[in-house]
Amino acid sequence: MSTIRDVANRANVCVATVSRMLNKPEMVSQSTRKRILAAMEELNYHPNEMARSLSTKRTHIIGVIIPNTSLPLFGALADAIESSCADNGYKLLLCGSRGNADKESSMMAMLLANKVDGIILCASLRNPDAYMNIDLPIVSVDRIIPNIPSVSCDNFKGGVLAARELIDSGCRYPVIVNNVPGTQTTAIMRSKGYKYECERLGYEYREIILTNEQFFDCEFDAITDAMKNPDYPVDGIFITGDTHAANLKRFCARRGLETPRDYKLIGFDGTDLMDYLDLSTISVPIVELGALAVELLIKRIEKQSVPERSLLPASLIRRSSTSKDA
């Protein structure tokens, strides 16, 4: 059975450096951490986590609550967080809430019972007050909770870019498609940015509201009906999620409507799905979001100060669905 001294010899560092990496990874350079982790893997070395947690009062486990890892955005975000945790000597305990407030509460209780060092929260926030008095470092991703640091994409600027892209591509009757307004900061800010840019460019702000059931059951008749409205024949659609954009494209295709010939379409997230379907999208810097969330959480675990709000830029990825030539 390999020992910590074997790991040190394989990684060409002293035993104290290996111990420091296991107990306080933030004090060891990333290149050295990677060498030590590689040596541990090669030697199949597993430190005694229980003994280590008793001596350091830390488990080196980070909990993550995500609505649904089957959705491309959240799957990519979970992967980015796990990769960054591994680089920093932490393990990940991933919880999927499926957007259910009761399940989120039980997931939070489970994480607290397992003594995680901190939590990255990407929850539905139907009850944000439930997270405000938890005595544990928390960082929120794309959700605003009072007194909890957050890491977000610039959703307002993303909405601006989406409106400008539809109008620049020749749309005279663009709309934004949302679900029933709630507490989701992301959708609210995307809508605000879209509205701001439409009005700045002299276009009427129009919105189509669908229920959550209509979104997830792909019942988009309200959108195709709007395309036939003689007073405002919709010719450009901004739908605030890549999965919804992909489903809408398929729905319209079954009715003989194609992008960009009959309408322009742009989504939001920047997942690989949109590349496959050749759909324009507003790209979220997913890897950077995950890495920054982990960085800030580790700083909070180490009782360092972190900014209350961290904003990363959104960017336009233009594909054929907003082509001007159709």
Protein backbone atom coordinates (compact mmCIF):
# COMPACT_ATOMS: atom_id res chain seq x y z
CA MET A 1 0.00 0.00 0.00
CA SER A 2 1.39 3.39 -0.99
CA THR A 3 2.23 6.01 1.61
CA ILE A 4 2.39 9.78 1.61
CA ARG A 5 6.19 9.48 1.31
CA ASP A 6 5.78 7.43 -1.90
CA VAL A 7 3.56 10.18 -3.31
CA ALA A 8 6.13 12.83 -2.41
CA ASN A 9 8.92 10.90 -4.10
CA ARG A 10 6.84 10.32 -7.25
CA ALA A 11 5.85 14.01 -7.46
CA ASN A 12 9.42 15.14 -6.62
CA VAL A 13 8.31 17.22 -3.62
CA CYS A 14 8.77 16.91 0.13
CA VAL A 15 6.28 15.11 2.38
CA ALA A 16 5.31 18.44 3.96
CA THR A 17 4.21 19.75 0.54
CA VAL A 18 1.97 16.72 -0.02
CA SER A 19 0.48 17.19 3.43
CA ARG A 20 -0.06 20.89 2.76
CA MET A 21 -1.78 20.11 -0.54
CA LEU A 22 -4.12 17.66 1.20
CA ASN A 23 -4.98 20.00 4.06
CA LYS A 24 -4.61 23.48 2.57
CA PRO A 25 -4.50 23.12 -1.24
CA GLU A 26 -4.82 26.87 -1.77
CA MET A 27 -1.30 27.25 -0.31
CA VAL A 28 0.24 25.07 -3.04
CA SER A 29 0.73 26.22 -6.63
CA GLN A 30 -1.59 24.75 -9.24
CA SER A 31 1.25 23.07 -11.13
CA THR A 32 2.47 21.37 -7.95
CA ARG A 33 -1.08 20.34 -7.03
CA LYS A 34 -1.48 18.69 -10.42
CA ARG A 35 1.82 16.77 -10.01
CA ILE A 36 0.79 15.53 -6.58
CA LEU A 37 -2.71 14.54 -7.73
CA ALA A 38 -1.21 12.70 -10.71
CA ALA A 39 1.18 10.86 -8.40
CA MET A 40 -1.68 9.92 -6.06
CA GLU A 41 -3.63 8.51 -8.99
CA GLU A 42 -0.65 6.58 -10.36
CA LEU A 43 0.07 5.05 -6.94
CA ASN A 44 -3.60 4.54 -6.10
CA TYR A 45 -3.02 6.50 -2.90
CA HIS A 46 -6.10 7.45 -0.86
CA PRO A 47 -5.63 9.62 2.21
CA ASN A 48 -7.64 8.83 5.31
CA GLU A 49 -10.36 11.43 4.83
CA MET A 50 -11.95 10.87 8.24
CA ALA A 51 -8.71 11.35 10.12
CA ARG A 52 -7.80 14.36 8.00
CA SER A 53 -11.18 16.03 8.56
CA LEU A 54 -10.90 15.50 12.32
CA SER A 55 -7.50 17.17 12.43
CA THR A 56 -8.31 20.06 10.10
CA LYS A 57 -12.06 20.44 10.88
CA ARG A 58 -12.58 20.38 7.11
CA THR A 59 -13.77 17.67 4.74
CA HIS A 60 -12.48 19.21 1.49
CA ILE A 61 -15.87 18.49 -0.02
CA ILE A 62 -17.94 21.13 -1.79
CA GLY A 63 -21.67 20.67 -2.26
CA VAL A 64 -23.46 21.83 -5.40
CA ILE A 65 -27.20 22.17 -5.92
CA ILE A 66 -28.23 22.34 -9.58
CA PRO A 67 -31.78 22.22 -11.00
CA ASN A 68 -31.28 19.60 -13.69
CA THR A 69 -27.99 18.14 -14.92
CA SER A 70 -29.74 16.65 -17.97
CA LEU A 71 -30.03 20.16 -19.45
CA PRO A 72 -26.91 21.04 -21.48
CA LEU A 73 -26.19 24.30 -19.62
CA PHE A 74 -26.31 22.78 -16.15
CA GLY A 75 -24.45 19.66 -17.22
CA ALA A 76 -21.63 21.81 -18.60
CA LEU A 77 -21.66 23.98 -15.46
CA ALA A 78 -21.43 20.93 -13.18
CA ASP A 79 -18.49 19.65 -15.24
CA ALA A 80 -16.71 23.02 -15.00
CA ILE A 81 -17.22 23.14 -11.23
CA GLU A 82 -15.99 19.56 -10.76
CA SER A 83 -12.87 20.23 -12.83
CA SER A 84 -12.04 23.33 -10.82
CA CYS A 85 -12.68 21.52 -7.54
CA ALA A 86 -10.27 18.75 -8.57
CA ASP A 87 -7.61 21.30 -9.50
CA ASN A 88 -7.92 22.77 -6.01
CA GLY A 89 -7.90 19.49 -4.08
CA TYR A 90 -11.63 19.34 -3.38
CA LYS A 91 -14.25 16.68 -4.07
CA LEU A 92 -17.74 17.43 -5.30
CA LEU A 93 -21.07 16.31 -3.87
CA LEU A 94 -23.61 17.04 -6.62
CA CYS A 95 -27.33 17.37 -5.92
CA GLY A 96 -30.06 17.70 -8.56
CA SER A 97 -33.19 19.46 -7.31
CA ARG A 98 -35.24 19.46 -10.56
CA GLY A 99 -36.37 22.95 -9.56
CA ASN A 100 -38.44 21.61 -6.67
CA ALA A 101 -38.28 23.85 -3.59
CA ASP A 102 -38.96 21.00 -1.14
CA LYS A 103 -36.26 18.87 -2.73
CA GLU A 104 -33.83 21.81 -2.61
CA SER A 105 -34.46 22.09 1.14
CA SER A 106 -33.82 18.38 1.67
CA MET A 107 -30.67 18.56 -0.47
CA MET A 108 -29.41 21.49 1.61
CA ALA A 109 -30.09 19.56 4.83
CA MET A 110 -28.22 16.55 3.45
CA LEU A 111 -25.18 18.69 2.53
CA LEU A 112 -25.13 20.27 5.99
CA ALA A 113 -25.37 16.83 7.62
CA ASN A 114 -22.41 15.63 5.56
CA LYS A 115 -20.29 18.54 6.81
CA VAL A 116 -19.35 19.95 3.42
CA ASP A 117 -16.97 22.90 3.61
CA GLY A 118 -19.16 25.11 1.42
CA ILE A 119 -21.98 25.12 -1.11
CA ILE A 120 -22.34 26.39 -4.68
CA LEU A 121 -25.98 27.16 -5.26
CA CYS A 122 -27.72 27.26 -8.61
CA ALA A 123 -31.25 26.70 -7.32
CA SER A 124 -34.70 27.81 -8.45
CA LEU A 125 -34.95 30.29 -5.56
CA ARG A 126 -38.66 29.90 -5.04
CA ASN A 127 -37.82 30.45 -1.37
CA PRO A 128 -34.56 32.48 -1.26
CA ASP A 129 -35.02 33.33 2.42
CA ALA A 130 -34.28 29.69 3.25
CA TYR A 131 -30.62 30.20 2.31
CA MET A 132 -29.94 33.49 4.04
CA ASN A 133 -29.32 32.25 7.60
CA ILE A 134 -27.21 29.17 6.89
CA ASP A 135 -23.94 29.24 8.82
CA LEU A 136 -21.79 27.92 5.99
CA PRO A 137 -19.91 29.59 3.09
CA ILE A 138 -22.20 29.78 0.03
CA VAL A 139 -21.69 31.20 -3.46
CA SER A 140 -24.63 31.57 -5.81
CA VAL A 141 -24.37 31.13 -9.60
CA ASP A 142 -26.67 33.32 -11.73
CA ARG A 143 -29.02 33.82 -8.77
CA ILE A 144 -29.16 36.88 -6.52
CA ILE A 145 -29.64 36.20 -2.78
CA PRO A 146 -29.13 38.98 -0.21
CA ASN A 147 -25.84 38.66 1.73
CA ILE A 148 -24.58 35.78 -0.44
CA PRO A 149 -21.87 36.41 -3.07
CA SER A 150 -22.95 35.64 -6.61
CA VAL A 151 -21.26 34.87 -9.92
CA SER A 152 -23.33 35.73 -12.98
CA CYS A 153 -23.23 36.16 -16.71
CA ASP A 154 -24.13 39.69 -17.84
CA ASN A 155 -27.70 38.70 -18.71
CA PHE A 156 -28.78 42.30 -19.37
CA LYS A 157 -26.05 42.73 -21.99
CA GLY A 158 -27.02 39.35 -23.43
CA GLY A 159 -30.57 40.58 -23.93
CA VAL A 160 -29.21 43.70 -25.62
CA LEU A 161 -27.11 41.60 -28.01
CA ALA A 162 -30.07 39.34 -28.86
CA ALA A 163 -32.37 42.27 -29.73
CA ARG A 164 -29.69 43.93 -31.82
CA GLU A 165 -28.95 40.72 -33.72
CA LEU A 166 -32.59 40.15 -34.67
CA ILE A 167 -33.04 43.76 -35.79
CA ASP A 168 -29.72 43.86 -37.65
CA SER A 169 -30.72 40.65 -39.47
CA GLY A 170 -33.75 42.46 -40.91
CA CYS A 171 -36.55 41.62 -38.48
CA ARG A 172 -39.32 44.19 -38.33
CA TYR A 173 -41.54 42.32 -35.85
CA PRO A 174 -39.29 40.68 -33.24
CA VAL A 175 -40.54 39.16 -29.99
CA ILE A 176 -39.05 37.70 -26.83
CA VAL A 177 -40.51 34.43 -25.52
CA ASN A 178 -40.50 33.87 -21.75
CA ASN A 179 -42.16 31.63 -19.23
CA VAL A 180 -44.42 32.93 -16.48
CA PRO A 181 -42.52 35.70 -14.66
CA GLY A 182 -41.00 34.54 -11.40
CA THR A 183 -37.98 35.19 -9.24
CA GLN A 184 -35.38 34.05 -11.79
CA THR A 185 -32.95 36.93 -12.07
CA THR A 186 -31.51 35.54 -15.29
CA ALA A 187 -34.73 35.72 -17.31
CA ILE A 188 -35.70 39.07 -15.81
CA MET A 189 -32.39 40.70 -16.75
CA ARG A 190 -32.40 39.18 -20.25
CA SER A 191 -35.87 40.62 -20.80
CA LYS A 192 -34.82 44.03 -19.50
CA GLY A 193 -31.80 44.13 -21.81
CA TYR A 194 -33.91 43.04 -24.79
CA LYS A 195 -36.56 45.67 -24.06
CA TYR A 196 -33.97 48.40 -23.59
CA GLU A 197 -32.33 47.72 -26.96
CA CYS A 198 -35.63 47.40 -28.86
CA GLU A 199 -36.81 50.75 -27.54
CA ARG A 200 -33.41 52.36 -28.12
CA LEU A 201 -33.53 51.29 -31.77
CA GLY A 202 -37.12 52.48 -32.18
CA TYR A 203 -38.85 49.08 -32.17
CA GLU A 204 -41.90 48.11 -30.15
CA TYR A 205 -41.21 45.71 -27.29
CA ARG A 206 -43.34 42.58 -27.71
CA GLU A 207 -43.35 39.54 -25.43
CA ILE A 208 -45.02 36.13 -25.59
CA ILE A 209 -45.53 34.51 -22.18
CA LEU A 210 -45.83 30.72 -21.94
CA THR A 211 -46.46 28.54 -18.91
CA ASN A 212 -43.78 26.18 -17.66
CA GLU A 213 -45.93 23.29 -18.90
CA GLN A 214 -46.10 24.79 -22.40
CA PHE A 215 -42.33 25.21 -22.44
CA PHE A 216 -41.47 21.71 -21.32
CA ASP A 217 -44.24 20.06 -23.35
CA CYS A 218 -43.13 22.04 -26.42
CA GLU A 219 -46.57 23.58 -26.92
CA PHE A 220 -45.56 26.58 -29.03
CA ASP A 221 -48.82 27.24 -30.90
CA ALA A 222 -48.98 30.75 -29.45
CA ILE A 223 -45.73 31.54 -31.28
CA THR A 224 -46.70 30.12 -34.66
CA ASP A 225 -50.09 31.81 -34.36
CA ALA A 226 -48.29 35.12 -33.77
CA MET A 227 -46.40 34.63 -37.03
CA LYS A 228 -49.77 34.75 -38.83
CA ASN A 229 -51.01 37.89 -37.06
CA PRO A 230 -51.57 40.49 -39.83
CA ASP A 231 -51.06 43.39 -37.41
CA TYR A 232 -47.74 42.11 -36.03
CA PRO A 233 -46.51 39.13 -38.10
CA VAL A 234 -43.65 37.89 -35.92
CA ASP A 235 -40.50 37.39 -37.99
CA GLY A 236 -37.83 37.21 -35.27
CA ILE A 237 -37.77 35.29 -31.98
CA PHE A 238 -35.49 35.54 -28.95
CA ILE A 239 -36.20 32.60 -26.63
CA THR A 240 -34.18 32.69 -23.44
CA GLY A 241 -32.69 29.20 -23.40
CA ASP A 242 -30.91 27.00 -25.94
CA THR A 243 -32.97 23.88 -25.23
CA HIS A 244 -36.18 25.83 -25.77
CA ALA A 245 -34.76 27.29 -29.00
CA ALA A 246 -33.95 23.80 -30.29
CA ASN A 247 -37.43 22.54 -29.41
CA LEU A 248 -39.06 25.56 -31.04
CA LYS A 249 -37.09 25.03 -34.25
CA ARG A 250 -38.33 21.42 -34.44
CA PHE A 251 -41.89 22.49 -33.63
CA CYS A 252 -41.89 25.11 -36.40
CA ALA A 253 -40.28 22.73 -38.90
CA ARG A 254 -43.21 20.33 -38.48
CA ARG A 255 -45.42 23.22 -39.63
CA GLY A 256 -43.27 24.01 -42.65
CA LEU A 257 -41.55 27.02 -41.06
CA GLU A 258 -37.77 27.18 -41.36
CA THR A 259 -35.01 29.51 -40.20
CA PRO A 260 -33.90 31.90 -41.56
CA ARG A 261 -36.37 31.83 -44.47
CA ASP A 262 -39.58 32.30 -42.47
CA TYR A 263 -38.28 33.71 -39.20
CA LYS A 264 -35.02 34.46 -37.40
CA LEU A 265 -34.26 32.65 -34.15
CA ILE A 266 -31.73 33.22 -31.38
CA GLY A 267 -31.33 31.41 -28.04
CA PHE A 268 -29.31 31.95 -24.90
CA ASP A 269 -26.65 29.79 -23.20
CA GLY A 270 -24.06 28.98 -25.87
CA THR A 271 -24.22 25.18 -25.49
CA ASP A 272 -22.91 22.74 -28.10
CA LEU A 273 -26.50 21.91 -29.01
CA MET A 274 -26.80 25.20 -30.88
CA ASP A 275 -23.72 24.52 -32.97
CA TYR A 276 -25.18 21.16 -33.99
CA LEU A 277 -28.46 22.82 -35.06
CA ASP A 278 -26.75 25.86 -36.62
CA LEU A 279 -28.69 28.25 -34.37
CA SER A 280 -27.50 31.66 -33.21
CA THR A 281 -27.18 32.10 -29.46
CA ILE A 282 -25.92 34.36 -26.72
CA SER A 283 -23.01 32.53 -25.11
CA VAL A 284 -22.59 32.20 -21.35
CA PRO A 285 -18.92 31.74 -20.27
CA ILE A 286 -19.76 28.46 -18.54
CA VAL A 287 -16.22 27.26 -17.75
CA GLU A 288 -15.25 30.66 -16.36
CA LEU A 289 -18.45 30.84 -14.28
CA GLY A 290 -17.76 27.46 -12.69
CA ALA A 291 -14.10 28.20 -12.02
CA LEU A 292 -14.83 31.61 -10.49
CA ALA A 293 -17.59 30.17 -8.27
CA VAL A 294 -15.13 27.59 -6.90
CA GLU A 295 -12.40 30.22 -6.44
CA LEU A 296 -14.70 32.54 -4.48
CA LEU A 297 -16.11 29.72 -2.38
CA ILE A 298 -12.65 28.52 -1.37
CA LYS A 299 -11.77 32.10 -0.39
CA ARG A 300 -14.90 32.23 1.76
CA ILE A 301 -13.98 28.88 3.34
CA GLU A 302 -10.59 30.43 4.14
CA LYS A 303 -12.43 33.43 5.63
CA GLN A 304 -11.18 35.82 2.98
CA SER A 305 -13.33 38.66 1.68
CA VAL A 306 -14.87 38.33 -1.78
CA PRO A 307 -16.93 40.73 -3.92
CA GLU A 308 -20.69 40.64 -3.44
CA ARG A 309 -21.37 40.49 -7.19
CA SER A 310 -19.09 39.17 -9.96
CA LEU A 311 -20.24 39.68 -13.55
CA LEU A 312 -18.77 37.87 -16.57
CA PRO A 313 -19.47 39.01 -20.16
CA ALA A 314 -22.01 37.46 -22.52
CA SER A 315 -21.16 37.23 -26.21
CA LEU A 316 -22.98 36.68 -29.50
CA ILE A 317 -22.44 33.54 -31.56
CA ARG A 318 -23.94 34.19 -34.98
CA ARG A 319 -25.08 31.26 -37.10
CA SER A 320 -27.44 30.77 -40.04
CA SER A 321 -30.67 31.19 -38.03
CA THR A 322 -30.13 34.96 -38.05
CA SER A 323 -28.67 35.20 -41.54
CA LYS A 324 -29.46 38.43 -43.38
CA ASP A 325 -29.38 36.76 -46.79
CA ALA A 326 -32.55 34.67 -46.48
